[in-house]
All heavy atoms as atom14 arrays in JSON, in Angstrom:
{
  "sequence": "RYSTASMRDHLLEIVDALGLERAGFVGHSMGAAI",
  "atom14_mask": [
    [1, 1, 1, 1, 1, 1, 1, 1, 1, 1, 1, 0, 0, 0],
    [1, 1, 1, 1, 1, 1, 1, 1, 1, 1, 1, 1, 0, 0],
    [1, 1, 1, 1, 1, 1, 0, 0, 0, 0, 0, 0, 0, 0],
    [1, 1, 1, 1, 1, 1, 1, 0, 0, 0, 0, 0, 0, 0],
    [1, 1, 1, 1, 1, 0, 0, 0, 0, 0, 0, 0, 0, 0],
    [1, 1, 1, 1, 1, 1, 0, 0, 0, 0, 0, 0, 0, 0],
    [1, 1, 1, 1, 1, 1, 1, 1, 0, 0, 0, 0, 0, 0],
    [1, 1, 1, 1, 1, 1, 1, 1, 1, 1, 1, 0, 0, 0],
    [1, 1, 1, 1, 1, 1, 1, 1, 0, 0, 0, 0, 0, 0],
    [1, 1, 1, 1, 1, 1, 1, 1, 1, 1, 0, 0, 0, 0],
    [1, 1, 1, 1, 1, 1, 1, 1, 0, 0, 0, 0, 0, 0],
    [1, 1, 1, 1, 1, 1, 1, 1, 0, 0, 0, 0, 0, 0],
    [1, 1, 1, 1, 1, 1, 1, 1, 1, 0, 0, 0, 0, 0],
    [1, 1, 1, 1, 1, 1, 1, 1, 0, 0, 0, 0, 0, 0],
    [1, 1, 1, 1, 1, 1, 1, 0, 0, 0, 0, 0, 0, 0],
    [1, 1, 1, 1, 1, 1, 1, 1, 0, 0, 0, 0, 0, 0],
    [1, 1, 1, 1, 1, 0, 0, 0, 0, 0, 0, 0, 0, 0],
    [1, 1, 1, 1, 1, 1, 1, 1, 0, 0, 0, 0, 0, 0],
    [1, 1, 1, 1, 0, 0, 0, 0, 0, 0, 0, 0, 0, 0],
    [1, 1, 1, 1, 1, 1, 1, 1, 0, 0, 0, 0, 0, 0],
    [1, 1, 1, 1, 1, 1, 1, 1, 1, 0, 0, 0, 0, 0],
    [1, 1, 1, 1, 1, 1, 1, 1, 1, 1, 1, 0, 0, 0],
    [1, 1, 1, 1, 1, 0, 0, 0, 0, 0, 0, 0, 0, 0],
    [1, 1, 1, 1, 0, 0, 0, 0, 0, 0, 0, 0, 0, 0],
    [1, 1, 1, 1, 1, 1, 1, 1, 1, 1, 1, 0, 0, 0],
    [1, 1, 1, 1, 1, 1, 1, 0, 0, 0, 0, 0, 0, 0],
    [1, 1, 1, 1, 0, 0, 0, 0, 0, 0, 0, 0, 0, 0],
    [1, 1, 1, 1, 1, 1, 1, 1, 1, 1, 0, 0, 0, 0],
    [1, 1, 1, 1, 1, 1, 0, 0, 0, 0, 0, 0, 0, 0],
    [1, 1, 1, 1, 1, 1, 1, 1, 0, 0, 0, 0, 0, 0],
    [1, 1, 1, 1, 0, 0, 0, 0, 0, 0, 0, 0, 0, 0],
    [1, 1, 1, 1, 1, 0, 0, 0, 0, 0, 0, 0, 0, 0],
    [1, 1, 1, 1, 1, 0, 0, 0, 0, 0, 0, 0, 0, 0],
    [1, 1, 1, 1, 1, 1, 1, 1, 0, 0, 0, 0, 0, 0]
  ],
  "atom14_positions": [
    [[9.67, 9.89, 4.4], [9.03, 9.02, 3.41], [8.74, 7.62, 3.98], [8.1, 6.8, 3.32], [9.93, 8.88, 2.17], [10.17, 10.16, 1.39], [8.97, 10.56, 0.57], [8.65, 9.58, -0.46], [9.23, 9.55, -1.66], [10.16, 10.44, -1.98], [8.87, 8.64, -2.55], [0.0, 0.0, 0.0], [0.0, 0.0, 0.0], [0.0, 0.0, 0.0]],
    [[9.2, 7.38, 5.21], [9.08, 6.04, 5.79], [8.16, 5.99, 7.0], [8.15, 5.0, 7.73], [10.48, 5.5, 6.12], [11.34, 5.36, 4.89], [12.21, 6.39, 4.52], [11.26, 4.25, 4.07], [12.99, 6.29, 3.36], [12.03, 4.13, 2.92], [12.89, 5.16, 2.57], [13.64, 5.07, 1.42], [0.0, 0.0, 0.0], [0.0, 0.0, 0.0]],
    [[7.39, 7.03, 7.22], [6.4, 6.99, 8.29], [5.28, 6.03, 7.89], [5.14, 5.65, 6.72], [5.83, 8.38, 8.54], [5.02, 8.79, 7.45], [0.0, 0.0, 0.0], [0.0, 0.0, 0.0], [0.0, 0.0, 0.0], [0.0, 0.0, 0.0], [0.0, 0.0, 0.0], [0.0, 0.0, 0.0], [0.0, 0.0, 0.0], [0.0, 0.0, 0.0]],
    [[4.47, 5.65, 8.85], [3.36, 4.73, 8.56], [2.42, 5.32, 7.51], [2.03, 4.65, 6.55], [2.58, 4.42, 9.85], [3.48, 3.83, 10.8], [1.44, 3.45, 9.57], [0.0, 0.0, 0.0], [0.0, 0.0, 0.0], [0.0, 0.0, 0.0], [0.0, 0.0, 0.0], [0.0, 0.0, 0.0], [0.0, 0.0, 0.0], [0.0, 0.0, 0.0]],
    [[2.05, 6.59, 7.69], [1.14, 7.23, 6.74], [1.77, 7.33, 5.36], [1.1, 7.12, 4.34], [0.75, 8.61, 7.24], [0.0, 0.0, 0.0], [0.0, 0.0, 0.0], [0.0, 0.0, 0.0], [0.0, 0.0, 0.0], [0.0, 0.0, 0.0], [0.0, 0.0, 0.0], [0.0, 0.0, 0.0], [0.0, 0.0, 0.0], [0.0, 0.0, 0.0]],
    [[3.07, 7.64, 5.3], [3.74, 7.76, 4.0], [3.81, 6.42, 3.29], [3.6, 6.34, 2.07], [5.15, 8.33, 4.19], [5.1, 9.68, 4.61], [0.0, 0.0, 0.0], [0.0, 0.0, 0.0], [0.0, 0.0, 0.0], [0.0, 0.0, 0.0], [0.0, 0.0, 0.0], [0.0, 0.0, 0.0], [0.0, 0.0, 0.0], [0.0, 0.0, 0.0]],
    [[4.09, 5.35, 4.03], [4.15, 4.02, 3.42], [2.77, 3.57, 2.96], [2.62, 2.96, 1.9], [4.75, 3.02, 4.41], [6.19, 3.29, 4.8], [7.35, 3.28, 3.41], [7.47, 1.52, 3.06], [0.0, 0.0, 0.0], [0.0, 0.0, 0.0], [0.0, 0.0, 0.0], [0.0, 0.0, 0.0], [0.0, 0.0, 0.0], [0.0, 0.0, 0.0]],
    [[1.74, 3.9, 3.74], [0.36, 3.6, 3.32], [0.02, 4.33, 2.02], [-0.52, 3.72, 1.07], [-0.6, 4.01, 4.43], [-2.08, 3.87, 4.09], [-2.92, 4.79, 4.96], [-2.61, 6.2, 4.7], [-2.89, 7.19, 5.54], [-3.46, 6.94, 6.71], [-2.6, 8.44, 5.22], [0.0, 0.0, 0.0], [0.0, 0.0, 0.0], [0.0, 0.0, 0.0]],
    [[0.32, 5.61, 1.97], [0.01, 6.4, 0.77], [0.84, 5.93, -0.42], [0.38, 5.97, -1.57], [0.27, 7.88, 1.04], [-0.7, 8.46, 2.07], [-1.72, 7.8, 2.36], [-0.42, 9.55, 2.59], [0.0, 0.0, 0.0], [0.0, 0.0, 0.0], [0.0, 0.0, 0.0], [0.0, 0.0, 0.0], [0.0, 0.0, 0.0], [0.0, 0.0, 0.0]],
    [[2.07, 5.49, -0.15], [2.94, 4.96, -1.2], [2.33, 3.7, -1.82], [2.3, 3.53, -3.04], [4.31, 4.66, -0.6], [5.24, 3.9, -1.5], [5.58, 4.32, -2.76], [5.88, 2.71, -1.32], [6.42, 3.44, -3.31], [6.6, 2.46, -2.47], [0.0, 0.0, 0.0], [0.0, 0.0, 0.0], [0.0, 0.0, 0.0], [0.0, 0.0, 0.0]],
    [[1.8, 2.8, -0.97], [1.16, 1.59, -1.49], [-0.06, 1.95, -2.32], [-0.29, 1.36, -3.39], [0.77, 0.67, -0.34], [0.03, -0.61, -0.73], [0.83, -1.45, -1.72], [-0.32, -1.44, 0.52], [0.0, 0.0, 0.0], [0.0, 0.0, 0.0], [0.0, 0.0, 0.0], [0.0, 0.0, 0.0], [0.0, 0.0, 0.0], [0.0, 0.0, 0.0]],
    [[-0.84, 2.91, -1.87], [-2.01, 3.33, -2.64], [-1.59, 3.92, -3.98], [-2.26, 3.7, -5.01], [-2.81, 4.36, -1.84], [-4.18, 4.77, -2.41], [-5.06, 3.55, -2.61], [-4.86, 5.77, -1.49], [0.0, 0.0, 0.0], [0.0, 0.0, 0.0], [0.0, 0.0, 0.0], [0.0, 0.0, 0.0], [0.0, 0.0, 0.0], [0.0, 0.0, 0.0]],
    [[-0.46, 4.63, -4.01], [0.05, 5.18, -5.26], [0.46, 4.06, -6.22], [0.25, 4.16, -7.44], [1.25, 6.09, -4.97], [1.73, 6.87, -6.18], [2.95, 7.73, -5.89], [3.66, 7.49, -4.89], [3.21, 8.65, -6.69], [0.0, 0.0, 0.0], [0.0, 0.0, 0.0], [0.0, 0.0, 0.0], [0.0, 0.0, 0.0], [0.0, 0.0, 0.0]],
    [[1.0, 2.98, -5.69], [1.35, 1.82, -6.53], [0.09, 1.21, -7.12], [0.03, 0.89, -8.32], [2.12, 0.77, -5.7], [3.48, 1.31, -5.25], [2.3, -0.52, -6.51], [4.22, 0.4, -4.3], [0.0, 0.0, 0.0], [0.0, 0.0, 0.0], [0.0, 0.0, 0.0], [0.0, 0.0, 0.0], [0.0, 0.0, 0.0], [0.0, 0.0, 0.0]],
    [[-0.94, 1.05, -6.3], [-2.21, 0.48, -6.77], [-2.79, 1.35, -7.88], [-3.3, 0.85, -8.89], [-3.19, 0.35, -5.59], [-4.57, -0.07, -6.08], [-2.65, -0.65, -4.57], [0.0, 0.0, 0.0], [0.0, 0.0, 0.0], [0.0, 0.0, 0.0], [0.0, 0.0, 0.0], [0.0, 0.0, 0.0], [0.0, 0.0, 0.0], [0.0, 0.0, 0.0]],
    [[-2.7, 2.66, -7.71], [-3.18, 3.58, -8.74], [-2.39, 3.41, -10.04], [-2.96, 3.39, -11.14], [-3.09, 5.02, -8.27], [-4.12, 5.37, -7.21], [-5.14, 4.65, -7.11], [-3.91, 6.36, -6.47], [0.0, 0.0, 0.0], [0.0, 0.0, 0.0], [0.0, 0.0, 0.0], [0.0, 0.0, 0.0], [0.0, 0.0, 0.0], [0.0, 0.0, 0.0]],
    [[-1.06, 3.32, -9.91], [-0.21, 3.2, -11.1], [-0.49, 1.91, -11.86], [-0.34, 1.86, -13.09], [1.26, 3.27, -10.68], [0.0, 0.0, 0.0], [0.0, 0.0, 0.0], [0.0, 0.0, 0.0], [0.0, 0.0, 0.0], [0.0, 0.0, 0.0], [0.0, 0.0, 0.0], [0.0, 0.0, 0.0], [0.0, 0.0, 0.0], [0.0, 0.0, 0.0]],
    [[-0.91, 0.88, -11.15], [-1.23, -0.4, -11.77], [-2.64, -0.42, -12.36], [-3.03, -1.38, -13.01], [-1.08, -1.53, -10.75], [0.35, -1.84, -10.31], [0.34, -2.73, -9.06], [1.13, -2.52, -11.43], [0.0, 0.0, 0.0], [0.0, 0.0, 0.0], [0.0, 0.0, 0.0], [0.0, 0.0, 0.0], [0.0, 0.0, 0.0], [0.0, 0.0, 0.0]],
    [[-3.39, 0.64, -12.1], [-4.75, 0.72, -12.62], [-5.73, -0.2, -11.92], [-6.73, -0.62, -12.52], [0.0, 0.0, 0.0], [0.0, 0.0, 0.0], [0.0, 0.0, 0.0], [0.0, 0.0, 0.0], [0.0, 0.0, 0.0], [0.0, 0.0, 0.0], [0.0, 0.0, 0.0], [0.0, 0.0, 0.0], [0.0, 0.0, 0.0], [0.0, 0.0, 0.0]],
    [[-5.48, -0.49, -10.64], [-6.35, -1.39, -9.9], [-7.39, -0.58, -9.12], [-7.06, 0.09, -8.14], [-5.52, -2.24, -8.92], [-4.36, -3.03, -9.54], [-3.64, -3.82, -8.47], [-4.85, -3.94, -10.65], [0.0, 0.0, 0.0], [0.0, 0.0, 0.0], [0.0, 0.0, 0.0], [0.0, 0.0, 0.0], [0.0, 0.0, 0.0], [0.0, 0.0, 0.0]],
    [[-8.61, -0.64, -9.56], [-9.67, 0.1, -8.87], [-10.01, -0.54, -7.53], [-10.33, 0.16, -6.56], [-10.93, 0.16, -9.75], [-10.74, 0.98, -11.02], [-12.03, 1.1, -11.8], [-13.09, 0.65, -11.29], [-12.0, 1.66, -12.91], [0.0, 0.0, 0.0], [0.0, 0.0, 0.0], [0.0, 0.0, 0.0], [0.0, 0.0, 0.0], [0.0, 0.0, 0.0]],
    [[-9.91, -1.86, -7.47], [-10.25, -2.59, -6.25], [-9.45, -3.89, -6.25], [-9.33, -4.55, -7.28], [-11.75, -2.87, -6.21], [-12.3, -3.18, -4.84], [-13.82, -2.99, -4.82], [-14.38, -3.33, -3.52], [-15.17, -4.38, -3.3], [-15.52, -5.18, -4.3], [-15.65, -4.63, -2.1], [0.0, 0.0, 0.0], [0.0, 0.0, 0.0], [0.0, 0.0, 0.0]],
    [[-8.88, -4.25, -5.11], [-8.03, -5.43, -5.06], [-8.06, -6.05, -3.68], [-8.43, -5.41, -2.69], [-6.58, -5.06, -5.42], [0.0, 0.0, 0.0], [0.0, 0.0, 0.0], [0.0, 0.0, 0.0], [0.0, 0.0, 0.0], [0.0, 0.0, 0.0], [0.0, 0.0, 0.0], [0.0, 0.0, 0.0], [0.0, 0.0, 0.0], [0.0, 0.0, 0.0]],
    [[-7.66, -7.32, -3.61], [-7.42, -7.96, -2.33], [-5.98, -7.7, -1.93], [-5.12, -7.5, -2.8], [0.0, 0.0, 0.0], [0.0, 0.0, 0.0], [0.0, 0.0, 0.0], [0.0, 0.0, 0.0], [0.0, 0.0, 0.0], [0.0, 0.0, 0.0], [0.0, 0.0, 0.0], [0.0, 0.0, 0.0], [0.0, 0.0, 0.0], [0.0, 0.0, 0.0]],
    [[-5.7, -7.71, -0.64], [-4.36, -7.41, -0.16], [-3.91, -8.46, 0.85], [-4.68, -8.87, 1.72], [-4.32, -6.03, 0.51], [-4.46, -4.89, -0.46], [-5.72, -4.47, -0.87], [-3.34, -4.25, -0.97], [-5.86, -3.41, -1.76], [-3.47, -3.2, -1.87], [-4.73, -2.78, -2.26], [0.0, 0.0, 0.0], [0.0, 0.0, 0.0], [0.0, 0.0, 0.0]],
    [[-2.65, -8.87, 0.69], [-2.01, -9.77, 1.65], [-0.75, -9.06, 2.14], [0.14, -8.76, 1.35], [-1.64, -11.12, 1.0], [-0.94, -12.02, 2.02], [-2.89, -11.81, 0.45], [0.0, 0.0, 0.0], [0.0, 0.0, 0.0], [0.0, 0.0, 0.0], [0.0, 0.0, 0.0], [0.0, 0.0, 0.0], [0.0, 0.0, 0.0], [0.0, 0.0, 0.0]],
    [[-0.69, -8.78, 3.43], [0.46, -8.08, 3.98], [1.21, -8.96, 4.95], [0.61, -9.65, 5.79], [0.0, 0.0, 0.0], [0.0, 0.0, 0.0], [0.0, 0.0, 0.0], [0.0, 0.0, 0.0], [0.0, 0.0, 0.0], [0.0, 0.0, 0.0], [0.0, 0.0, 0.0], [0.0, 0.0, 0.0], [0.0, 0.0, 0.0], [0.0, 0.0, 0.0]],
    [[2.53, -8.94, 4.85], [3.38, -9.72, 5.74], [4.14, -8.8, 6.68], [4.74, -7.81, 6.25], [4.38, -10.56, 4.92], [5.48, -11.16, 5.75], [6.76, -10.67, 5.75], [5.46, -12.2, 6.62], [7.51, -11.39, 6.58], [6.74, -12.32, 7.11], [0.0, 0.0, 0.0], [0.0, 0.0, 0.0], [0.0, 0.0, 0.0], [0.0, 0.0, 0.0]],
    [[4.13, -9.08, 7.98], [4.93, -8.36, 8.96], [4.6, -6.86, 8.92], [3.45, -6.47, 9.1], [6.41, -8.63, 8.7], [7.22, -8.15, 9.76], [0.0, 0.0, 0.0], [0.0, 0.0, 0.0], [0.0, 0.0, 0.0], [0.0, 0.0, 0.0], [0.0, 0.0, 0.0], [0.0, 0.0, 0.0], [0.0, 0.0, 0.0], [0.0, 0.0, 0.0]],
    [[5.57, -5.99, 8.67], [5.31, -4.57, 8.53], [4.33, -4.31, 7.4], [3.5, -3.39, 7.47], [6.61, -3.81, 8.27], [6.46, -2.3, 8.1], [7.97, -1.51, 7.5], [7.93, -2.02, 5.75], [0.0, 0.0, 0.0], [0.0, 0.0, 0.0], [0.0, 0.0, 0.0], [0.0, 0.0, 0.0], [0.0, 0.0, 0.0], [0.0, 0.0, 0.0]],
    [[4.4, -5.12, 6.35], [3.47, -4.98, 5.23], [2.03, -5.18, 5.67], [1.1, -4.6, 5.09], [0.0, 0.0, 0.0], [0.0, 0.0, 0.0], [0.0, 0.0, 0.0], [0.0, 0.0, 0.0], [0.0, 0.0, 0.0], [0.0, 0.0, 0.0], [0.0, 0.0, 0.0], [0.0, 0.0, 0.0], [0.0, 0.0, 0.0], [0.0, 0.0, 0.0]],
    [[1.8, -6.0, 6.71], [0.45, -6.21, 7.22], [-0.1, -4.92, 7.83], [-1.27, -4.59, 7.65], [0.45, -7.33, 8.26], [0.0, 0.0, 0.0], [0.0, 0.0, 0.0], [0.0, 0.0, 0.0], [0.0, 0.0, 0.0], [0.0, 0.0, 0.0], [0.0, 0.0, 0.0], [0.0, 0.0, 0.0], [0.0, 0.0, 0.0], [0.0, 0.0, 0.0]],
    [[0.76, -4.21, 8.56], [0.33, -2.95, 9.15], [-0.01, -1.93, 8.07], [-1.0, -1.2, 8.17], [1.42, -2.4, 10.07], [0.0, 0.0, 0.0], [0.0, 0.0, 0.0], [0.0, 0.0, 0.0], [0.0, 0.0, 0.0], [0.0, 0.0, 0.0], [0.0, 0.0, 0.0], [0.0, 0.0, 0.0], [0.0, 0.0, 0.0], [0.0, 0.0, 0.0]],
    [[0.8, -1.89, 7.02], [0.56, -0.94, 5.92], [-0.75, -1.28, 5.21], [-1.56, -0.39, 4.9], [1.75, -0.96, 4.94], [3.02, -0.47, 5.64], [1.45, -0.11, 3.71], [4.29, -0.66, 4.82], [0.0, 0.0, 0.0], [0.0, 0.0, 0.0], [0.0, 0.0, 0.0], [0.0, 0.0, 0.0], [0.0, 0.0, 0.0], [0.0, 0.0, 0.0]]
  ]
}
């Protein structure tokens, strides 16, 4: 669940749950890679 692809898909799942069709993103450190 902690691979790069899994963390990327996890973030996209959060965006979906929040109902955000399109958003800006600010990532810090590992969050920047995701």
